[in-house]
């Protein structure tokens, strides 16, 4: 299901009983964070929140703010237009396993799968709702142009603004007390490789410095940073555009662990089953979704000194301290007339990002299995704040297989940041942390079953002695084989017989 605006998605959440409205004014400085944090930590992720009158420096913003919109498995599935994330993962897995047909019936089935991809490729259009209001900063005093737009959704309050949009009147949050300022927390950042022209859509937090400049926090290993390095090598100005809102599959695709060079709009188009319509920006040659709620256009100047960005209360549960990053200069801001500002917060888990990251793991598990067919399941527990801790279950058939999986995963994309990998047998539910810890403690000899190695570390990891470099620990918690030097008999796990279980089930059923 394709959503034509973020307002459209919020309206769907409202109709499904997944939205709480907050009508009274609430400050974007800390107060929205406190309310959202309490909601996110409720069982199952709580509800989505719509702040109808967020205030910025005491003044009510012309735009409502929505948060925690994907912070549960149900809302994550709704954002994909599906009954469950597992359903979407199964469809993608089936497509990944498609083989040349051997019969007419198989050919028809594969044709149906191929037709599912007919909407995947993005297409360029001349105009879109994201340009209903245009404020250019590159003219002599700046100028504003208001275009006619479509009818707003009457179920939500329609913003009315008498002043042009700037970074100072959007409801951008200061999330935590020691943050260095206000941060855009759900930005989709568009860049292009100057050599190949390949587009990337990434999510890098944006710190507001003033009405015209921000920090651009693309980390060392990110694709946007790689694109930036090429511009720095040539000394040419780098076009960058940030879009916010639109279909919720846009920010999801921006955070998904896609291979370098694969367009995120392809994934978004596949998931929403409708081509992403792109429109050319006003002040640079980049393209953004036509149904975005907000677009912030600009550039990074390689000849300009880097500037400290941060501190920022991060997904690690700690503040990341200031580090020098490029400065992004704003040349235009455009938006829908009825725009809704989407936001999130990160911090000590569980938070909304647990469900977004978990959905990525479910969707891309088939790709992991293509490389490692012995993998049964993978889980990233909330306590591991994304990739710090990974549980993986395997069908073990030969000695040292667990170590093969550890090294393989450390070599795949953002899995390189994983500090701890625990490998268990196929019958262990990796989504049950208590069950994994039981087998970890029961099945391991610490010295024999552990391996330390070194590699890249998350730039946001404050615990490493050097930034972006650290160590990793792998633990083999599987049953040991004789070929692994285990000379004893491995005991069976305590388990009742099935006939007794059925008899006692019947006993309790009759007792009721």
Protein backbone atom coordinates (compact mmCIF):
# COMPACT_ATOMS: atom_id res chain seq x y z
CA UNK A 1 0.00 0.00 0.00
CA UNK A 2 1.39 3.36 -1.01
CA UNK A 3 0.83 6.39 1.21
CA UNK A 4 0.67 9.69 -0.66
CA UNK A 5 1.88 11.73 2.30
CA UNK A 6 2.94 11.29 5.88
CA UNK A 7 -0.42 12.82 6.83
CA UNK A 8 -2.06 9.97 4.92
CA UNK A 9 -0.15 7.41 7.01
CA UNK A 10 -0.96 9.20 10.27
CA UNK A 11 -4.63 9.23 9.28
CA UNK A 12 -4.50 5.48 8.72
CA UNK A 13 -2.98 5.00 12.18
CA UNK A 14 -5.76 7.13 13.64
CA UNK A 15 -8.49 5.06 11.99
CA UNK A 16 -6.84 1.85 13.26
CA UNK A 17 -6.80 3.09 16.86
CA UNK A 18 -3.00 3.33 16.83
CA UNK A 19 -2.73 7.09 17.43
CA UNK A 20 -2.94 9.31 20.49
CA UNK A 21 -3.62 13.00 19.83
CA UNK A 22 -2.20 15.69 22.09
CA UNK A 23 -4.09 18.92 21.49
CA UNK A 24 -2.48 21.21 24.06
CA UNK A 25 0.81 23.00 23.27
CA UNK A 26 3.92 20.94 24.12
CA UNK A 27 7.49 22.20 23.80
CA UNK A 28 9.80 20.69 21.20
CA UNK A 29 12.53 21.42 23.75
CA UNK A 30 12.73 18.22 25.85
CA UNK A 31 9.01 17.91 26.67
CA UNK A 32 8.01 15.95 23.54
CA UNK A 33 10.95 13.63 24.20
CA UNK A 34 9.79 12.88 27.74
CA UNK A 35 6.25 12.08 26.60
CA UNK A 36 7.45 9.98 23.64
CA UNK A 37 10.03 8.11 25.72
CA UNK A 38 7.38 7.05 28.24
CA UNK A 39 5.10 5.91 25.41
CA UNK A 40 7.82 3.96 23.58
CA UNK A 41 8.68 2.03 26.72
CA UNK A 42 5.12 0.78 27.23
CA UNK A 43 4.53 -2.92 26.44
CA UNK A 44 4.55 -3.47 22.69
CA UNK A 45 5.80 0.04 21.96
CA UNK A 46 2.71 1.99 23.02
CA UNK A 47 0.89 4.17 20.48
CA UNK A 48 1.92 6.70 17.86
CA UNK A 49 1.65 10.30 19.07
CA UNK A 50 0.43 13.36 17.18
CA UNK A 51 1.33 16.68 18.79
CA UNK A 52 -1.11 19.09 17.18
CA UNK A 53 0.50 22.23 18.61
CA UNK A 54 4.23 21.69 19.11
CA UNK A 55 5.95 24.87 20.26
CA UNK A 56 9.33 26.22 19.20
CA UNK A 57 10.80 28.72 21.68
CA UNK A 58 7.31 29.20 23.10
CA UNK A 59 5.61 29.81 19.74
CA UNK A 60 3.21 27.25 18.26
CA UNK A 61 4.66 25.77 15.07
CA UNK A 62 2.46 25.84 11.97
CA UNK A 63 3.08 22.11 11.55
CA UNK A 64 1.90 19.20 13.73
CA UNK A 65 4.55 16.69 14.82
CA UNK A 66 4.09 12.90 14.71
CA UNK A 67 6.38 10.50 16.57
CA UNK A 68 6.60 6.76 17.32
CA UNK A 69 4.64 6.07 14.15
CA UNK A 70 6.60 2.87 13.42
CA UNK A 71 7.26 1.96 17.05
CA UNK A 72 5.41 -1.38 17.19
CA UNK A 73 5.23 -4.51 15.05
CA UNK A 74 1.66 -3.64 14.06
CA UNK A 75 2.50 -0.09 12.96
CA UNK A 76 5.65 -1.29 11.22
CA UNK A 77 3.50 -3.73 9.23
CA UNK A 78 0.92 -1.00 8.52
CA UNK A 79 3.67 1.22 7.11
CA UNK A 80 4.34 -1.59 4.61
CA UNK A 81 0.67 -2.08 3.83
CA UNK A 82 0.82 -5.63 5.17
CA UNK A 83 -0.73 -7.68 7.95
CA UNK A 84 2.72 -8.50 9.35
CA UNK A 85 6.39 -7.84 8.69
CA UNK A 86 6.87 -11.61 8.40
CA UNK A 87 4.44 -11.64 5.47
CA UNK A 88 6.54 -9.06 3.59
CA UNK A 89 9.73 -10.95 4.44
CA UNK A 90 8.24 -14.20 3.12
CA UNK A 91 7.24 -12.52 -0.16
CA UNK A 92 10.73 -11.07 -0.62
CA UNK A 93 12.30 -14.40 0.33
CA UNK A 94 10.19 -16.18 -2.27
CA UNK A 95 11.32 -13.71 -4.91
CA UNK A 96 14.98 -14.13 -3.93
CA UNK A 97 14.69 -17.91 -4.34
CA UNK A 98 13.04 -17.73 -7.75
CA UNK A 99 14.58 -20.16 -10.25
CA UNK A 100 14.10 -20.65 -14.00
CA UNK A 101 10.69 -22.30 -14.57
CA UNK A 102 10.45 -25.96 -15.56
CA UNK A 103 6.75 -25.90 -16.44
CA UNK A 104 4.08 -23.52 -17.70
CA UNK A 105 2.56 -23.38 -14.22
CA UNK A 106 5.89 -22.32 -12.74
CA UNK A 107 6.31 -19.74 -15.50
CA UNK A 108 2.95 -18.15 -14.64
CA UNK A 109 3.90 -18.09 -10.96
CA UNK A 110 7.25 -16.45 -11.69
CA UNK A 111 5.55 -13.96 -14.00
CA UNK A 112 3.30 -12.95 -11.10
CA UNK A 113 6.36 -12.43 -8.92
CA UNK A 114 8.04 -10.39 -11.65
CA UNK A 115 4.94 -8.20 -12.03
CA UNK A 116 5.27 -7.35 -8.35
CA UNK A 117 8.41 -5.49 -9.39
CA UNK A 118 6.71 -3.41 -12.07
CA UNK A 119 6.47 -0.50 -9.63
CA UNK A 120 9.97 -0.79 -8.23
CA UNK A 121 11.77 1.57 -10.62
CA UNK A 122 11.39 5.26 -9.67
CA UNK A 123 10.14 7.70 -12.29
CA UNK A 124 10.70 11.42 -12.79
CA UNK A 125 7.73 13.80 -12.79
CA UNK A 126 7.59 17.54 -13.43
CA UNK A 127 6.00 18.68 -10.17
CA UNK A 128 4.64 17.41 -6.89
CA UNK A 129 2.99 18.32 -3.57
CA UNK A 130 6.39 18.89 -1.94
CA UNK A 131 6.57 22.14 -3.95
CA UNK A 132 3.25 23.62 -2.89
CA UNK A 133 5.26 26.12 -0.85
CA UNK A 134 8.72 27.15 -2.07
CA UNK A 135 11.14 29.35 -0.16
CA UNK A 136 14.41 30.01 -1.93
CA UNK A 137 17.32 31.42 0.01
CA UNK A 138 19.67 31.88 -2.92
CA UNK A 139 18.00 35.04 -4.20
CA UNK A 140 18.91 38.55 -2.95
CA UNK A 141 16.89 38.69 0.38
CA UNK A 142 15.31 35.27 -0.18
CA UNK A 143 11.91 34.81 -1.78
CA UNK A 144 8.82 32.72 -1.26
CA UNK A 145 6.50 31.25 -3.82
CA UNK A 146 3.24 29.54 -2.92
CA UNK A 147 1.73 27.19 -5.47
CA UNK A 148 -1.77 25.74 -5.50
CA UNK A 149 -1.95 22.33 -3.90
CA UNK A 150 -4.45 19.54 -3.48
CA UNK A 151 -7.14 19.31 -0.85
CA UNK A 152 -5.77 18.65 2.62
CA UNK A 153 -6.86 15.65 4.69
CA UNK A 154 -9.72 16.98 6.78
CA UNK A 155 -9.17 14.46 9.57
CA UNK A 156 -6.03 16.23 10.80
CA UNK A 157 -5.44 19.90 11.58
CA UNK A 158 -4.21 21.82 8.55
CA UNK A 159 -1.28 24.13 9.29
CA UNK A 160 -1.58 27.78 8.38
CA UNK A 161 1.65 29.75 8.23
CA UNK A 162 1.98 33.46 7.53
CA UNK A 163 5.80 33.29 7.41
CA UNK A 164 8.02 31.33 5.02
CA UNK A 165 9.49 28.06 6.30
CA UNK A 166 12.95 28.18 7.84
CA UNK A 167 14.96 25.87 10.06
CA UNK A 168 13.86 28.03 12.99
CA UNK A 169 10.10 27.61 12.72
CA UNK A 170 9.90 23.91 11.83
CA UNK A 171 9.10 21.84 14.96
CA UNK A 172 12.63 20.45 15.19
CA UNK A 173 13.36 18.96 18.59
CA UNK A 174 16.01 19.42 21.18
CA UNK A 175 15.71 15.84 22.38
CA UNK A 176 17.89 15.50 25.49
CA UNK A 177 19.23 18.00 28.06
CA UNK A 178 22.90 17.92 26.98
CA UNK A 179 22.23 17.94 23.23
CA UNK A 180 24.22 20.56 21.35
CA UNK A 181 21.05 21.98 19.81
CA UNK A 182 18.03 20.94 17.80
CA UNK A 183 18.27 17.86 15.58
CA UNK A 184 16.25 16.58 12.64
CA UNK A 185 15.93 12.91 13.58
CA UNK A 186 14.20 11.33 10.55
CA UNK A 187 15.97 13.00 7.61
CA UNK A 188 16.50 11.19 4.32
CA UNK A 189 19.72 12.59 2.87
CA UNK A 190 20.18 12.36 -0.90
CA UNK A 191 23.67 12.41 -2.46
CA UNK A 192 25.19 11.18 -5.71
CA UNK A 193 28.53 9.61 -6.54
CA UNK A 194 30.26 12.25 -8.72
CA UNK A 195 31.98 9.52 -10.76
CA UNK A 196 29.17 7.03 -11.42
CA UNK A 197 26.08 9.16 -10.81
CA UNK A 198 24.72 6.47 -8.48
CA UNK A 199 22.26 7.88 -5.95
CA UNK A 200 22.26 7.13 -2.24
CA UNK A 201 19.57 7.87 0.33
CA UNK A 202 20.94 7.67 3.85
CA UNK A 203 19.80 8.75 7.28
CA UNK A 204 22.26 11.02 9.06
CA UNK A 205 21.13 13.24 11.90
CA UNK A 206 21.06 16.97 11.15
CA UNK A 207 22.01 19.50 13.85
CA UNK A 208 20.60 22.98 13.36
CA UNK A 209 23.23 25.71 13.72
CA UNK A 210 21.08 28.64 12.53
CA UNK A 211 18.38 29.37 9.96
CA UNK A 212 20.72 28.62 7.04
CA UNK A 213 23.30 26.05 8.19
CA UNK A 214 23.37 22.62 9.81
CA UNK A 215 25.79 19.86 10.66
CA UNK A 216 25.96 16.87 8.29
CA UNK A 217 26.67 13.84 10.44
CA UNK A 218 27.58 11.23 7.85
CA UNK A 219 29.83 8.78 9.62
CA UNK A 220 33.14 7.53 8.30
CA UNK A 221 31.83 4.25 6.85
CA UNK A 222 28.59 5.61 5.36
CA UNK A 223 27.97 5.93 1.61
CA UNK A 224 27.23 9.66 1.91
CA UNK A 225 30.67 10.15 3.47
CA UNK A 226 32.26 8.20 0.60
CA UNK A 227 30.51 10.45 -1.90
CA UNK A 228 31.69 13.45 0.11
CA UNK A 229 35.32 12.34 0.04
CA UNK A 230 35.32 12.46 -3.76
CA UNK A 231 34.08 16.05 -3.70
CA UNK A 232 36.70 16.93 -1.09
CA UNK A 233 39.39 15.42 -3.32
CA UNK A 234 38.34 17.62 -6.25
CA UNK A 235 37.41 20.68 -4.18
CA UNK A 236 34.05 21.07 -5.92
CA UNK A 237 30.83 22.02 -4.19
CA UNK A 238 28.70 18.99 -3.30
CA UNK A 239 24.93 19.14 -3.84
CA UNK A 240 22.92 17.61 -0.99
CA UNK A 241 19.16 17.47 -0.44
CA UNK A 242 17.22 16.34 2.62
CA UNK A 243 13.62 15.24 2.46
CA UNK A 244 11.34 14.50 5.40
CA UNK A 245 8.04 12.66 5.41
CA UNK A 246 6.11 11.29 2.49
CA UNK A 247 5.57 7.54 2.44
CA UNK A 248 6.92 5.90 5.64
CA UNK A 249 8.84 3.45 3.43
CA UNK A 250 11.23 6.27 2.53
CA UNK A 251 12.92 6.53 5.95
CA UNK A 252 12.75 2.74 6.27
CA UNK A 253 14.59 2.28 2.97
CA UNK A 254 17.13 4.95 3.99
CA UNK A 255 18.06 2.88 7.06
CA UNK A 256 17.94 -0.54 5.36
CA UNK A 257 21.26 -2.42 4.94
CA UNK A 258 21.27 -2.31 1.14
CA UNK A 259 24.44 -3.09 -0.82
CA UNK A 260 26.39 -0.01 -1.90
CA UNK A 261 25.12 1.22 -5.27
CA UNK A 262 21.60 -0.22 -4.99
CA UNK A 263 19.06 2.62 -5.12
CA UNK A 264 16.97 2.87 -1.94
CA UNK A 265 14.03 4.10 -4.03
CA UNK A 266 13.92 0.66 -5.68
CA UNK A 267 13.33 -0.96 -2.28
CA UNK A 268 10.77 1.71 -1.34
CA UNK A 269 8.93 1.20 -4.63
CA UNK A 270 8.85 -2.57 -4.17
CA UNK A 271 7.58 -2.35 -0.60
CA UNK A 272 4.88 0.22 -1.33
CA UNK A 273 3.97 -1.55 -4.60
CA UNK A 274 4.03 1.73 -6.42
CA UNK A 275 6.78 3.57 -8.23
CA UNK A 276 8.38 6.39 -6.30
CA UNK A 277 7.72 9.59 -8.22
CA UNK A 278 10.73 11.88 -8.08
CA UNK A 279 10.89 15.59 -8.75
CA UNK A 280 13.97 17.69 -9.46
CA UNK A 281 15.00 20.06 -6.69
CA UNK A 282 14.74 23.84 -7.10
CA UNK A 283 18.38 24.77 -6.47
CA UNK A 284 20.40 21.65 -7.33
CA UNK A 285 20.18 18.71 -9.72
CA UNK A 286 19.21 16.08 -7.16
CA UNK A 287 15.81 14.38 -7.15
CA UNK A 288 13.51 13.77 -4.19
CA UNK A 289 10.10 12.10 -3.77
CA UNK A 290 7.36 14.36 -5.12
CA UNK A 291 5.09 13.52 -2.18
CA UNK A 292 7.61 14.45 0.53
CA UNK A 293 6.29 16.65 3.31
CA UNK A 294 9.43 18.79 3.53
CA UNK A 295 12.52 19.21 1.34
CA UNK A 296 15.65 21.06 2.45
CA UNK A 297 18.04 21.74 -0.44
CA UNK A 298 21.63 22.86 -0.23
CA UNK A 299 25.28 22.02 -0.52
CA UNK A 300 28.47 21.15 1.31
CA UNK A 301 31.55 23.22 0.47
CA UNK A 302 34.77 21.14 0.63
CA UNK A 303 36.83 24.32 0.98
CA UNK A 304 35.09 25.19 4.23
CA UNK A 305 36.53 24.02 7.58
CA UNK A 306 34.70 21.24 9.40
CA UNK A 307 32.63 22.25 12.42
CA UNK A 308 31.93 20.49 15.70
CA UNK A 309 28.62 18.62 15.71
CA UNK A 310 27.03 17.34 18.93
CA UNK A 311 26.73 16.31 21.71
CA UNK A 312 23.71 14.16 20.85
CA UNK A 313 21.76 11.70 23.01
CA UNK A 314 22.20 8.65 20.80
CA UNK A 315 20.76 5.16 20.28
CA UNK A 316 23.60 3.79 22.41
CA UNK A 317 21.84 5.22 25.46
CA UNK A 318 24.73 7.64 25.95
CA UNK A 319 25.63 11.01 24.47
CA UNK A 320 28.00 11.01 21.52
CA UNK A 321 30.44 13.83 22.13
CA UNK A 322 31.28 16.62 19.66
CA UNK A 323 33.28 15.69 16.57
CA UNK A 324 34.06 17.75 13.44
CA UNK A 325 31.73 17.20 10.48
CA UNK A 326 30.90 19.05 7.23
CA UNK A 327 28.60 22.07 7.27
CA UNK A 328 25.44 21.90 5.15
CA UNK A 329 24.24 25.23 3.67
CA UNK A 330 20.53 25.61 2.91
CA UNK A 331 19.53 27.11 -0.44
CA UNK A 332 15.80 26.31 -0.39
CA UNK A 333 13.05 24.80 1.75
CA UNK A 334 9.88 23.50 0.12
CA UNK A 335 6.92 21.73 1.67
CA UNK A 336 3.31 20.62 1.32
CA UNK A 337 0.65 23.04 2.51
CA UNK A 338 -0.73 20.39 4.87
CA UNK A 339 2.65 18.97 5.91
CA UNK A 340 3.06 16.86 9.05
CA UNK A 341 6.55 16.82 10.56
CA UNK A 342 7.72 13.24 11.30
CA UNK A 343 10.19 12.71 14.13
CA UNK A 344 11.69 10.08 16.36
CA UNK A 345 13.96 9.98 19.37
CA UNK A 346 16.77 7.61 20.25
CA UNK A 347 18.17 6.75 23.66
CA UNK A 348 18.25 3.94 26.17
CA UNK A 349 16.25 1.05 24.69
CA UNK A 350 13.62 0.00 23.96
CA UNK A 351 12.78 2.77 21.51
CA UNK A 352 11.06 3.12 18.14
CA UNK A 353 14.25 2.23 16.28
CA UNK A 354 14.12 -1.33 17.68
CA UNK A 355 11.11 -2.11 15.47
CA UNK A 356 12.57 -0.37 12.42
CA UNK A 357 15.86 -2.25 12.77
CA UNK A 358 14.07 -5.50 13.55
CA UNK A 359 11.99 -5.19 10.38
CA UNK A 360 15.18 -4.73 8.34
CA UNK A 361 16.61 -7.93 9.82
CA UNK A 362 13.42 -9.86 8.98
CA UNK A 363 13.36 -8.55 5.41
CA UNK A 364 17.01 -9.22 4.68
CA UNK A 365 17.24 -12.59 6.40
CA UNK A 366 16.68 -14.32 3.01
CA UNK A 367 19.79 -12.53 1.68
CA UNK A 368 21.81 -13.71 4.67
CA UNK A 369 20.54 -17.24 4.04
CA UNK A 370 21.61 -17.08 0.40
CA UNK A 371 25.17 -16.53 1.60
CA UNK A 372 24.89 -18.81 4.63
CA UNK A 373 22.23 -21.49 4.04
CA UNK A 374 22.80 -22.98 7.50
CA UNK A 375 21.37 -19.86 9.17
CA UNK A 376 17.93 -20.43 10.68
CA UNK A 377 17.23 -17.04 12.25
CA UNK A 378 18.90 -13.83 13.41
CA UNK A 379 17.89 -11.44 16.21
CA UNK A 380 19.23 -8.10 17.34
CA UNK A 381 18.01 -7.74 20.95
CA UNK A 382 16.89 -4.28 22.00
CA UNK A 383 19.55 -4.23 24.71
CA UNK A 384 22.22 -4.40 22.01
CA UNK A 385 21.03 -1.10 20.47
CA UNK A 386 21.02 -2.43 16.90
CA UNK A 387 24.25 -4.13 15.95
CA UNK A 388 26.19 -4.34 19.24
CA UNK A 389 24.72 -7.77 20.01
CA UNK A 390 23.59 -10.40 17.49
CA UNK A 391 22.07 -13.80 18.19
CA UNK A 392 22.12 -16.28 15.30
CA UNK A 393 20.83 -19.85 15.15
CA UNK A 394 22.26 -22.38 12.69
CA UNK A 395 21.79 -25.96 11.50
CA UNK A 396 25.22 -27.18 12.55
CA UNK A 397 26.59 -30.10 10.51
CA UNK A 398 30.39 -29.84 10.78
CA UNK A 399 33.09 -28.70 13.22
CA UNK A 400 33.86 -24.98 13.63
CA UNK A 401 30.79 -23.99 11.60
CA UNK A 402 29.81 -21.41 14.21
CA UNK A 403 33.11 -19.57 13.65
CA UNK A 404 32.52 -19.54 9.91
CA UNK A 405 29.22 -17.75 10.56
CA UNK A 406 30.84 -15.22 12.93
CA UNK A 407 33.53 -14.23 10.42
CA UNK A 408 31.02 -14.17 7.57
CA UNK A 409 28.63 -11.85 9.38
CA UNK A 410 31.42 -9.50 10.46
CA UNK A 411 32.20 -9.11 6.76
CA UNK A 412 28.68 -8.09 5.71
CA UNK A 413 27.81 -4.40 5.59
CA UNK A 414 26.90 -2.84 8.92
CA UNK A 415 27.41 -6.19 10.65
CA UNK A 416 31.05 -5.09 10.77
CA UNK A 417 30.05 -2.98 13.78
CA UNK A 418 28.77 -5.95 15.78
CA UNK A 419 30.67 -6.30 19.04
CA UNK A 420 29.20 -9.60 20.22
CA UNK A 421 27.92 -12.54 18.15
CA UNK A 422 26.40 -15.54 19.92
CA UNK A 423 25.77 -18.63 17.77
CA UNK A 424 23.24 -21.21 18.99
CA UNK A 425 21.66 -24.36 17.58
CA UNK A 426 18.64 -24.43 15.29
CA UNK A 427 16.17 -25.35 18.05
CA UNK A 428 16.93 -22.21 20.09
CA UNK A 429 14.57 -19.24 19.69
CA UNK A 430 16.93 -16.31 19.15
CA UNK A 431 14.10 -13.85 19.85
CA UNK A 432 13.86 -15.21 23.40
CA UNK A 433 16.85 -13.60 25.12
CA UNK A 434 16.34 -15.68 28.26
CA UNK A 435 16.50 -18.88 26.20
CA UNK A 436 19.67 -17.75 24.42
CA UNK A 437 21.37 -16.84 27.70
CA UNK A 438 20.44 -20.26 29.11
CA UNK A 439 22.19 -22.04 26.24
CA UNK A 440 25.08 -19.58 26.34
CA UNK A 441 25.75 -20.39 29.98
CA UNK A 442 25.06 -24.13 29.64
CA UNK A 443 26.88 -24.95 26.40
CA UNK A 444 30.13 -23.01 26.61
CA UNK A 445 33.55 -23.27 28.11
CA UNK A 446 34.62 -19.61 28.08
CA UNK A 447 38.19 -20.14 26.89
CA UNK A 448 37.46 -22.87 24.35
CA UNK A 449 34.30 -21.37 22.83
CA UNK A 450 35.25 -17.70 22.50
CA UNK A 451 37.17 -15.84 19.85
CA UNK A 452 38.44 -12.26 19.87
CA UNK A 453 39.14 -10.34 16.70
CA UNK A 454 39.56 -6.73 15.60
CA UNK A 455 37.80 -4.60 13.04
CA UNK A 456 35.88 -1.39 12.30
CA UNK A 457 33.74 -0.05 15.13
CA UNK A 458 30.71 2.21 15.15
CA UNK A 459 31.79 5.84 15.25
CA UNK A 460 29.08 6.33 17.90
CA UNK A 461 30.61 3.71 20.22
CA UNK A 462 32.07 5.65 23.15
CA UNK A 463 33.65 2.54 24.71
CA UNK A 464 36.40 1.97 22.11
CA UNK A 465 39.87 3.35 22.89
CA UNK A 466 40.13 4.77 19.36
CA UNK A 467 37.27 6.14 17.31
CA UNK A 468 35.94 3.74 14.64
CA UNK A 469 38.28 0.89 15.69
CA UNK A 470 37.59 -1.87 18.18
CA UNK A 471 37.49 -5.54 19.07
CA UNK A 472 34.78 -8.17 18.64
CA UNK A 473 33.83 -11.25 20.64
CA UNK A 474 32.26 -14.34 19.15
CA UNK A 475 30.81 -17.11 21.31
CA UNK A 476 30.00 -20.60 20.07
CA UNK A 477 27.04 -21.71 22.22
CA UNK A 478 26.15 -24.68 20.01
CA UNK A 479 26.44 -28.35 20.97
CA UNK A 480 30.05 -29.44 20.58
CA UNK A 481 31.11 -32.13 18.13
CA UNK A 482 33.86 -34.70 18.49
CA UNK A 483 35.67 -33.05 15.58
CA UNK A 484 35.94 -29.89 17.68
CA UNK A 485 38.06 -31.68 20.26
CA UNK A 486 35.14 -32.46 22.57
CA UNK A 487 35.93 -35.89 24.08
CA UNK A 488 32.94 -36.33 26.37
CA UNK A 489 29.36 -37.41 25.66
CA UNK A 490 27.02 -34.46 25.13
CA UNK A 491 24.03 -34.91 27.43
CA UNK A 492 20.41 -34.62 26.25
CA UNK A 493 18.34 -31.60 27.21
CA UNK A 494 15.67 -32.35 29.81
CA UNK A 495 12.34 -32.72 28.05
CA UNK A 496 9.05 -34.48 28.87
CA UNK A 497 7.70 -37.12 26.48
CA UNK A 498 5.01 -35.99 24.06
CA UNK A 499 2.46 -38.63 25.18
CA UNK A 500 2.66 -37.43 28.79
CA UNK A 501 2.38 -33.79 27.66
CA UNK A 502 -0.76 -34.58 25.65
CA UNK A 503 -2.27 -36.51 28.56
CA UNK A 504 -1.69 -33.66 31.00
CA UNK A 505 -2.97 -31.11 28.47
CA UNK A 506 -6.20 -33.11 28.31
CA UNK A 507 -6.30 -33.32 32.11
CA UNK A 508 -6.15 -29.55 32.52
CA UNK A 509 -8.62 -29.04 29.68
CA UNK A 510 -11.18 -31.26 31.48
CA UNK A 511 -10.48 -29.53 34.79
CA UNK A 512 -11.64 -26.20 33.31
